[in-house]
N, C-alpha and C. Protein backbone atom coordinates (compact mmCIF):
# COMPACT_ATOMS: atom_id res chain seq x y z
N MET A 1 -146.88 52.93 51.92
CA MET A 1 -146.42 53.99 52.80
C MET A 1 -145.66 53.35 53.97
N ALA A 2 -144.51 53.96 54.29
CA ALA A 2 -143.64 53.42 55.32
C ALA A 2 -144.28 53.57 56.72
N ASP A 3 -144.04 52.57 57.56
CA ASP A 3 -144.47 52.60 58.94
C ASP A 3 -143.66 53.60 59.71
N ARG A 4 -144.28 54.65 60.22
CA ARG A 4 -143.55 55.69 60.93
C ARG A 4 -143.03 55.27 62.28
N TYR A 5 -143.39 54.07 62.70
CA TYR A 5 -142.95 53.54 64.02
C TYR A 5 -141.81 52.51 63.88
N ILE A 6 -141.19 52.49 62.70
CA ILE A 6 -140.02 51.67 62.50
C ILE A 6 -138.98 52.62 61.91
N GLU A 7 -137.92 52.89 62.68
CA GLU A 7 -136.98 54.00 62.34
C GLU A 7 -135.63 53.49 61.87
N VAL A 8 -135.22 53.94 60.70
CA VAL A 8 -133.86 53.74 60.18
C VAL A 8 -133.22 55.12 60.18
N VAL A 9 -132.10 55.28 60.87
CA VAL A 9 -131.50 56.61 61.05
C VAL A 9 -130.70 57.01 59.82
N GLU A 10 -129.83 56.15 59.34
CA GLU A 10 -128.97 56.46 58.18
C GLU A 10 -129.21 55.42 57.06
N PRO A 11 -129.14 55.84 55.81
CA PRO A 11 -129.41 54.92 54.70
C PRO A 11 -128.51 53.72 54.67
N GLU A 12 -127.28 53.83 55.23
CA GLU A 12 -126.37 52.67 55.22
C GLU A 12 -126.63 51.69 56.36
N ASP A 13 -127.55 52.01 57.28
CA ASP A 13 -127.88 51.10 58.37
C ASP A 13 -128.46 49.80 57.82
N ASN A 14 -128.19 48.68 58.50
CA ASN A 14 -128.79 47.40 58.10
C ASN A 14 -129.77 46.92 59.16
N VAL A 15 -130.07 47.78 60.16
CA VAL A 15 -131.09 47.49 61.15
C VAL A 15 -131.97 48.74 61.35
N ALA A 16 -133.19 48.50 61.83
CA ALA A 16 -134.14 49.54 62.15
C ALA A 16 -134.57 49.33 63.60
N THR A 17 -135.04 50.39 64.22
CA THR A 17 -135.53 50.32 65.58
C THR A 17 -137.05 50.32 65.59
N ALA A 18 -137.64 49.37 66.33
CA ALA A 18 -139.07 49.26 66.45
C ALA A 18 -139.57 50.26 67.51
N LEU A 19 -140.38 51.23 67.08
CA LEU A 19 -140.93 52.20 68.01
C LEU A 19 -142.36 51.84 68.40
N ARG A 20 -142.70 50.55 68.17
CA ARG A 20 -143.95 49.95 68.62
C ARG A 20 -143.68 48.43 68.71
N GLU A 21 -144.61 47.76 69.36
CA GLU A 21 -144.49 46.28 69.41
C GLU A 21 -144.79 45.75 68.00
N LEU A 22 -143.93 44.80 67.56
CA LEU A 22 -144.11 44.19 66.23
C LEU A 22 -144.45 42.73 66.45
N GLU A 23 -145.39 42.22 65.64
CA GLU A 23 -145.86 40.85 65.82
C GLU A 23 -145.41 39.94 64.69
N ALA A 24 -145.08 38.72 65.07
CA ALA A 24 -144.72 37.69 64.04
C ALA A 24 -145.83 37.63 63.03
N GLY A 25 -145.43 37.52 61.77
CA GLY A 25 -146.41 37.40 60.68
C GLY A 25 -146.76 38.72 60.05
N GLU A 26 -146.41 39.83 60.69
CA GLU A 26 -146.67 41.13 60.10
C GLU A 26 -145.76 41.35 58.89
N THR A 27 -146.26 42.14 57.95
CA THR A 27 -145.44 42.66 56.86
C THR A 27 -145.40 44.15 57.06
N VAL A 28 -144.18 44.69 57.14
CA VAL A 28 -143.99 46.11 57.39
C VAL A 28 -143.25 46.79 56.24
N THR A 29 -143.49 48.07 56.04
CA THR A 29 -142.76 48.83 55.07
C THR A 29 -141.89 49.83 55.83
N VAL A 30 -140.62 49.81 55.50
CA VAL A 30 -139.61 50.63 56.22
C VAL A 30 -139.00 51.64 55.25
N ALA A 31 -138.94 52.89 55.69
CA ALA A 31 -138.24 53.91 54.89
C ALA A 31 -136.74 53.85 55.14
N VAL A 32 -135.97 53.69 54.05
CA VAL A 32 -134.53 53.62 54.12
C VAL A 32 -133.99 54.63 53.15
N GLY A 33 -133.59 55.79 53.67
CA GLY A 33 -133.19 56.88 52.76
C GLY A 33 -134.38 57.29 51.91
N ASP A 34 -134.20 57.30 50.61
CA ASP A 34 -135.25 57.70 49.68
C ASP A 34 -136.07 56.53 49.17
N GLU A 35 -135.81 55.34 49.68
CA GLU A 35 -136.54 54.16 49.22
C GLU A 35 -137.35 53.55 50.34
N GLU A 36 -138.21 52.60 49.99
CA GLU A 36 -138.98 51.85 51.01
C GLU A 36 -138.72 50.38 50.78
N ARG A 37 -138.65 49.64 51.91
CA ARG A 37 -138.46 48.19 51.84
C ARG A 37 -139.64 47.51 52.55
N THR A 38 -140.14 46.47 51.95
CA THR A 38 -141.17 45.67 52.57
C THR A 38 -140.55 44.43 53.16
N ILE A 39 -140.83 44.21 54.46
CA ILE A 39 -140.16 43.14 55.20
C ILE A 39 -141.17 42.31 55.96
N ASP A 40 -141.07 40.99 55.85
CA ASP A 40 -141.91 40.07 56.62
C ASP A 40 -141.21 39.78 57.93
N LEU A 41 -141.98 39.79 59.01
CA LEU A 41 -141.43 39.56 60.35
C LEU A 41 -141.72 38.13 60.80
N PRO A 42 -140.67 37.29 60.99
CA PRO A 42 -140.85 35.91 61.39
C PRO A 42 -141.11 35.74 62.90
N GLU A 43 -140.89 36.83 63.67
CA GLU A 43 -141.00 36.70 65.13
C GLU A 43 -141.42 38.03 65.73
N ASP A 44 -141.88 38.01 66.96
CA ASP A 44 -142.23 39.22 67.65
C ASP A 44 -140.98 40.01 67.96
N VAL A 45 -141.11 41.36 67.91
CA VAL A 45 -140.01 42.25 68.28
C VAL A 45 -140.56 43.31 69.22
N ARG A 46 -139.94 43.42 70.36
CA ARG A 46 -140.43 44.36 71.38
C ARG A 46 -140.08 45.80 71.02
N PHE A 47 -140.84 46.72 71.59
CA PHE A 47 -140.61 48.15 71.45
C PHE A 47 -139.14 48.46 71.84
N GLY A 48 -138.50 49.26 71.00
CA GLY A 48 -137.12 49.70 71.30
C GLY A 48 -136.03 48.73 70.78
N HIS A 49 -136.45 47.59 70.32
CA HIS A 49 -135.46 46.60 69.83
C HIS A 49 -135.24 46.78 68.31
N LYS A 50 -134.23 46.09 67.80
CA LYS A 50 -133.84 46.22 66.42
C LYS A 50 -134.32 45.06 65.59
N ILE A 51 -134.60 45.32 64.30
CA ILE A 51 -134.85 44.27 63.30
C ILE A 51 -133.88 44.47 62.15
N ALA A 52 -133.51 43.37 61.55
CA ALA A 52 -132.67 43.43 60.34
C ALA A 52 -133.54 43.91 59.17
N ILE A 53 -133.05 44.85 58.41
CA ILE A 53 -133.81 45.35 57.25
C ILE A 53 -133.28 44.76 55.94
N GLU A 54 -132.29 43.91 56.08
CA GLU A 54 -131.75 43.15 54.95
C GLU A 54 -131.09 41.91 55.57
N ASP A 55 -130.82 40.92 54.73
CA ASP A 55 -130.11 39.73 55.21
C ASP A 55 -128.71 40.19 55.66
N ILE A 56 -128.32 39.69 56.84
CA ILE A 56 -126.99 40.00 57.42
C ILE A 56 -126.29 38.66 57.63
N ASN A 57 -125.13 38.51 57.05
CA ASN A 57 -124.38 37.26 57.14
C ASN A 57 -123.60 37.17 58.46
N ASP A 58 -123.38 35.93 58.90
CA ASP A 58 -122.57 35.68 60.11
C ASP A 58 -121.24 36.40 59.94
N GLY A 59 -120.85 37.18 60.95
CA GLY A 59 -119.58 37.91 60.94
C GLY A 59 -119.70 39.32 60.37
N GLU A 60 -120.78 39.61 59.66
CA GLU A 60 -120.95 40.91 59.07
C GLU A 60 -121.22 41.98 60.11
N THR A 61 -120.81 43.21 59.83
CA THR A 61 -121.00 44.35 60.72
C THR A 61 -122.47 44.73 60.81
N ILE A 62 -122.93 44.97 62.03
CA ILE A 62 -124.28 45.53 62.29
C ILE A 62 -124.11 47.04 62.32
N THR A 63 -124.84 47.75 61.45
CA THR A 63 -124.71 49.20 61.36
C THR A 63 -125.99 49.86 61.79
N LYS A 64 -125.89 50.78 62.77
CA LYS A 64 -127.00 51.57 63.27
C LYS A 64 -126.44 52.99 63.50
N TYR A 65 -127.22 53.99 63.19
CA TYR A 65 -126.79 55.39 63.29
C TYR A 65 -125.61 55.67 62.34
N GLY A 66 -125.46 54.85 61.32
CA GLY A 66 -124.34 54.99 60.38
C GLY A 66 -123.03 54.51 60.95
N LYS A 67 -123.06 53.83 62.11
CA LYS A 67 -121.87 53.35 62.80
C LYS A 67 -121.97 51.85 63.10
N SER A 68 -120.80 51.22 63.16
CA SER A 68 -120.78 49.80 63.55
C SER A 68 -121.10 49.69 65.02
N ILE A 69 -122.09 48.81 65.34
CA ILE A 69 -122.39 48.57 66.77
C ILE A 69 -122.05 47.13 67.19
N GLY A 70 -121.58 46.35 66.21
CA GLY A 70 -121.20 44.95 66.52
C GLY A 70 -121.15 44.12 65.29
N ASN A 71 -121.03 42.79 65.49
CA ASN A 71 -120.96 41.84 64.40
C ASN A 71 -121.96 40.72 64.62
N ALA A 72 -122.58 40.26 63.55
CA ALA A 72 -123.48 39.14 63.63
C ALA A 72 -122.75 37.88 64.04
N THR A 73 -123.33 37.12 64.93
CA THR A 73 -122.76 35.86 65.38
C THR A 73 -123.39 34.67 64.67
N GLU A 74 -124.32 34.97 63.80
CA GLU A 74 -125.00 33.96 62.94
C GLU A 74 -125.65 34.71 61.79
N ASP A 75 -126.11 33.96 60.82
CA ASP A 75 -126.88 34.60 59.73
C ASP A 75 -128.15 35.16 60.32
N ILE A 76 -128.51 36.41 59.91
CA ILE A 76 -129.72 37.05 60.44
C ILE A 76 -130.55 37.46 59.21
N PRO A 77 -131.62 36.73 58.92
CA PRO A 77 -132.45 37.09 57.79
C PRO A 77 -133.21 38.44 58.00
N ALA A 78 -133.52 39.11 56.94
CA ALA A 78 -134.28 40.34 57.02
C ALA A 78 -135.57 40.09 57.81
N GLY A 79 -135.91 41.05 58.70
CA GLY A 79 -137.12 40.95 59.52
C GLY A 79 -136.89 40.32 60.87
N THR A 80 -135.72 39.75 61.08
CA THR A 80 -135.41 39.05 62.33
C THR A 80 -134.99 40.03 63.42
N TRP A 81 -135.35 39.70 64.65
CA TRP A 81 -134.96 40.44 65.84
C TRP A 81 -133.47 40.41 65.95
N VAL A 82 -132.82 41.58 66.15
CA VAL A 82 -131.37 41.71 66.27
C VAL A 82 -131.10 42.14 67.70
N HIS A 83 -130.40 41.29 68.45
CA HIS A 83 -130.14 41.58 69.87
C HIS A 83 -128.91 40.75 70.31
N VAL A 84 -128.66 40.68 71.60
CA VAL A 84 -127.45 40.02 72.12
C VAL A 84 -127.37 38.52 71.78
N HIS A 85 -128.47 37.89 71.41
CA HIS A 85 -128.45 36.48 71.08
C HIS A 85 -127.84 36.21 69.69
N ASN A 86 -127.75 37.27 68.86
CA ASN A 86 -127.19 37.05 67.52
C ASN A 86 -126.20 38.16 67.11
N VAL A 87 -125.76 38.96 68.09
CA VAL A 87 -124.81 40.05 67.81
C VAL A 87 -123.76 40.07 68.93
N GLU A 88 -122.50 40.22 68.56
CA GLU A 88 -121.47 40.50 69.53
C GLU A 88 -121.18 41.97 69.45
N SER A 89 -121.42 42.70 70.55
CA SER A 89 -121.32 44.14 70.57
C SER A 89 -119.85 44.62 70.45
N ASN A 90 -119.71 45.86 69.89
CA ASN A 90 -118.40 46.51 69.87
C ASN A 90 -118.12 47.16 71.20
N TYR A 91 -119.14 47.35 72.04
CA TYR A 91 -119.00 48.06 73.27
C TYR A 91 -118.65 47.15 74.42
N GLY A 92 -118.03 47.67 75.47
CA GLY A 92 -117.65 46.89 76.61
C GLY A 92 -118.85 46.22 77.27
N ARG A 93 -118.66 44.97 77.67
CA ARG A 93 -119.74 44.20 78.31
C ARG A 93 -119.35 43.97 79.77
N GLY A 94 -120.01 44.61 80.64
CA GLY A 94 -119.73 44.48 82.08
C GLY A 94 -119.93 43.06 82.59
N ASP A 95 -120.81 42.30 81.96
CA ASP A 95 -121.04 40.94 82.41
C ASP A 95 -119.88 40.01 82.08
N LEU A 96 -118.99 40.47 81.22
CA LEU A 96 -117.82 39.67 80.84
C LEU A 96 -116.54 40.21 81.47
N ALA A 97 -116.61 41.32 82.15
CA ALA A 97 -115.42 41.95 82.75
C ALA A 97 -114.92 41.09 83.94
N ASP A 98 -113.58 41.11 84.14
CA ASP A 98 -113.09 40.43 85.32
C ASP A 98 -113.33 41.32 86.54
N GLU A 99 -113.08 40.80 87.71
CA GLU A 99 -113.42 41.50 88.98
C GLU A 99 -112.73 42.88 89.05
N GLY A 100 -111.49 43.00 88.61
CA GLY A 100 -110.76 44.25 88.64
C GLY A 100 -111.40 45.31 87.77
N GLN A 101 -111.87 44.92 86.58
CA GLN A 101 -112.53 45.86 85.67
C GLN A 101 -113.85 46.31 86.25
N THR A 102 -114.59 45.39 86.83
CA THR A 102 -115.91 45.73 87.43
C THR A 102 -115.74 46.70 88.57
N ALA A 103 -114.76 46.49 89.40
CA ALA A 103 -114.50 47.39 90.55
C ALA A 103 -114.18 48.78 90.06
N ALA A 104 -113.36 48.91 89.02
CA ALA A 104 -112.99 50.24 88.51
C ALA A 104 -114.19 50.99 87.97
N VAL A 105 -115.13 50.28 87.36
CA VAL A 105 -116.30 50.91 86.80
C VAL A 105 -117.22 51.39 87.91
N SER A 106 -117.29 50.68 89.03
CA SER A 106 -118.27 51.04 90.09
C SER A 106 -117.68 52.08 91.07
N GLU A 107 -116.42 52.42 90.97
CA GLU A 107 -115.79 53.39 91.90
C GLU A 107 -116.22 54.82 91.57
């Protein structure tokens, strides 16, 4: 039976959201569309963060909500925490904006 605290929104997503704290060494079952996947977790994943539900290759698109949210910056094995350390976001990053861009956002 799928863990109801690990959410995959669209069947084409390659990440799920942890709706509880996940611990390294756990094996979880995730509902993906009409199927279930069993995934071993090599590391802790905090509440609200993403895990890969399949192997994702370096450069591959990260898909959540059926939409691209970024690209993998390294190979990400299934079960691995997916976050800024291994994904380059499609969305604007204020921490990388030059001073003019930052000023416009804060006005």
